[in-house]
Amino acid sequence: MKDGPIAGVRFECQQGCTNCCEMRGFVYLTEEDLGQAAEFKGMSKRAFERRYVYRTKNFLRLRKPRGSQCHFLVEGGCSIHPAKPTQCRLFPFWPELVERRAEWKATARHCPGIGKGELIQIGTALERAEEMRRAYPAMYTD
């Protein structure tokens, strides 16, 4: 973490928690995410994109339904959990959280899984964050 040496972090997703899904912001997709989610829903990529995705020159992101952060957030969790987007799968191991102690701590106020579970060495946490950089290079241009 950039604002102080740290040996590792603790994180264990908590059963039934959807706090990360309810945070403000967008869910970005990779082309692979799009294909996996479409297949999971039994739809063509084109039909899935037309219904659920907003595409720009540099990004794909899920459209937000009225009154919710995500079409796939249902009571008890994610209705496409086995095919959830890379961004969702990697939370909270995003570069902006793992590399900044203050951001990690701020996120812990909303995420009850931060600080729980076995110690994850910082090198492992940074490797997961690097996966996020590779998946969404336009977001991490440093």
Protein backbone atom coordinates (compact mmCIF):
# COMPACT_ATOMS: atom_id res chain seq x y z
CA MET A 1 0.00 0.00 0.00
CA LYS A 2 1.39 3.36 -0.97
CA ASP A 3 0.71 5.32 2.21
CA GLY A 4 2.53 3.01 4.60
CA PRO A 5 4.19 -0.39 4.67
CA ILE A 6 1.85 -3.28 5.23
CA ALA A 7 2.48 -7.01 5.27
CA GLY A 8 -0.97 -8.05 4.15
CA VAL A 9 -4.70 -7.59 4.36
CA ARG A 10 -7.61 -9.66 5.54
CA PHE A 11 -10.74 -10.20 3.50
CA GLU A 12 -13.46 -12.81 3.50
CA CYS A 13 -16.72 -12.17 1.71
CA GLN A 14 -19.59 -12.41 4.18
CA GLN A 15 -22.54 -14.69 3.44
CA GLY A 16 -25.56 -12.70 2.26
CA CYS A 17 -23.73 -9.37 2.10
CA THR A 18 -24.32 -7.27 -1.03
CA ASN A 19 -22.84 -4.00 0.21
CA CYS A 20 -20.29 -3.86 -2.61
CA CYS A 21 -23.12 -4.26 -5.13
CA GLU A 22 -25.04 -1.40 -3.58
CA MET A 23 -22.17 1.11 -3.65
CA ARG A 24 -22.55 4.00 -6.09
CA GLY A 25 -20.73 3.68 -9.34
CA PHE A 26 -20.73 1.61 -12.50
CA VAL A 27 -19.96 -2.03 -13.19
CA TYR A 28 -17.53 -2.22 -16.09
CA LEU A 29 -17.23 -5.27 -18.31
CA THR A 30 -14.57 -6.86 -20.45
CA GLU A 31 -15.56 -8.49 -23.74
CA GLU A 32 -15.03 -11.82 -21.98
CA ASP A 33 -17.35 -10.77 -19.14
CA LEU A 34 -20.00 -9.88 -21.71
CA GLY A 35 -19.77 -13.30 -23.34
CA GLN A 36 -19.84 -15.22 -20.06
CA ALA A 37 -22.81 -13.28 -18.67
CA ALA A 38 -24.73 -13.65 -21.93
CA GLU A 39 -24.10 -17.39 -22.02
CA PHE A 40 -25.10 -17.74 -18.37
CA LYS A 41 -28.39 -15.93 -19.10
CA GLY A 42 -28.95 -18.08 -22.20
CA MET A 43 -28.76 -15.06 -24.51
CA SER A 44 -26.65 -14.12 -27.49
CA LYS A 45 -23.95 -11.55 -26.77
CA ARG A 46 -25.77 -9.12 -29.01
CA ALA A 47 -29.12 -9.54 -27.23
CA PHE A 48 -27.48 -9.30 -23.80
CA GLU A 49 -25.62 -6.16 -24.81
CA ARG A 50 -28.74 -4.55 -26.25
CA ARG A 51 -30.64 -5.17 -23.03
CA TYR A 52 -28.06 -4.73 -20.28
CA VAL A 53 -24.94 -2.97 -21.57
CA TYR A 54 -23.94 0.59 -22.40
CA ARG A 55 -20.97 0.73 -24.79
CA THR A 56 -18.70 3.72 -25.38
CA LYS A 57 -15.50 4.05 -27.40
CA ASN A 58 -13.38 2.85 -24.46
CA PHE A 59 -15.74 1.08 -22.07
CA LEU A 60 -18.49 -1.44 -21.65
CA ARG A 61 -20.59 -1.08 -18.54
CA LEU A 62 -23.81 -2.47 -17.21
CA ARG A 63 -26.82 -0.22 -17.54
CA LYS A 64 -28.35 0.80 -14.22
CA PRO A 65 -32.02 0.03 -13.71
CA ARG A 66 -34.24 2.56 -11.95
CA GLY A 67 -34.01 2.26 -8.19
CA SER A 68 -31.11 -0.20 -8.16
CA GLN A 69 -27.39 -0.32 -8.85
CA CYS A 70 -27.58 -3.50 -10.95
CA HIS A 71 -30.10 -5.58 -12.92
CA PHE A 72 -28.60 -8.73 -11.45
CA LEU A 73 -28.70 -7.78 -7.78
CA VAL A 74 -31.51 -9.76 -6.20
CA GLU A 75 -32.43 -10.53 -2.63
CA GLY A 76 -29.67 -12.78 -1.36
CA GLY A 77 -27.03 -11.84 -3.90
CA CYS A 78 -26.03 -11.80 -7.52
CA SER A 79 -28.27 -13.65 -9.95
CA ILE A 80 -25.32 -14.17 -12.32
CA HIS A 81 -22.78 -14.99 -9.60
CA PRO A 82 -21.02 -17.80 -11.55
CA ALA A 83 -20.50 -15.37 -14.46
CA LYS A 84 -20.13 -12.10 -12.59
CA PRO A 85 -17.89 -9.43 -14.13
CA THR A 86 -14.18 -9.25 -13.37
CA GLN A 87 -14.67 -5.99 -11.45
CA CYS A 88 -17.15 -7.67 -9.11
CA ARG A 89 -15.13 -10.87 -8.76
CA LEU A 90 -11.99 -8.96 -7.78
CA PHE A 91 -13.55 -6.63 -5.20
CA PRO A 92 -11.99 -5.36 -2.92
CA PHE A 93 -8.68 -6.08 -4.65
CA TRP A 94 -8.81 -3.04 -6.91
CA PRO A 95 -5.58 -1.06 -7.38
CA GLU A 96 -7.11 2.13 -5.95
CA LEU A 97 -7.97 0.24 -2.74
CA VAL A 98 -5.03 -2.13 -2.30
CA GLU A 99 -2.40 0.51 -3.06
CA ARG A 100 -3.77 3.12 -0.66
CA ARG A 101 -4.18 2.25 2.99
CA ALA A 102 -6.64 5.13 3.56
CA GLU A 103 -8.89 3.92 0.72
CA TRP A 104 -8.77 0.34 2.04
CA LYS A 105 -9.80 1.55 5.49
CA ALA A 106 -12.55 3.78 4.05
CA THR A 107 -13.94 0.84 2.09
CA ALA A 108 -13.91 -1.28 5.26
CA ARG A 109 -16.60 1.01 6.67
CA HIS A 110 -18.98 -0.36 4.02
CA CYS A 111 -17.57 -3.87 3.60
CA PRO A 112 -17.89 -6.16 6.61
CA GLY A 113 -15.55 -8.71 5.01
CA ILE A 114 -12.51 -6.43 5.17
CA GLY A 115 -10.51 -7.31 8.25
CA LYS A 116 -11.96 -10.84 8.40
CA GLY A 117 -10.49 -14.16 7.32
CA GLU A 118 -6.95 -15.34 6.84
CA LEU A 119 -4.08 -12.96 6.20
CA ILE A 120 -3.53 -12.34 2.48
CA GLN A 121 0.06 -11.37 1.78
CA ILE A 122 0.34 -7.95 0.16
CA GLY A 123 2.07 -9.49 -2.87
CA THR A 124 -0.97 -11.69 -3.48
CA ALA A 125 -3.34 -8.73 -3.04
CA LEU A 126 -1.26 -6.70 -5.50
CA GLU A 127 -1.33 -9.58 -8.03
CA ARG A 128 -5.14 -9.54 -7.87
CA ALA A 129 -5.10 -5.77 -8.31
CA GLU A 130 -2.87 -6.20 -11.35
CA GLU A 131 -5.52 -8.47 -12.87
CA MET A 132 -7.89 -5.51 -12.60
CA ARG A 133 -5.37 -3.29 -14.41
CA ARG A 134 -5.03 -5.85 -17.21
CA ALA A 135 -8.81 -6.26 -17.53
CA TYR A 136 -9.52 -2.52 -17.68
CA PRO A 137 -6.40 -0.81 -19.09
CA ALA A 138 -8.28 2.37 -20.07
CA MET A 139 -9.17 2.92 -16.40
CA TYR A 140 -5.59 2.60 -15.19
CA THR A 141 -3.44 4.75 -17.43
CA ASP A 142 -1.31 6.13 -14.53
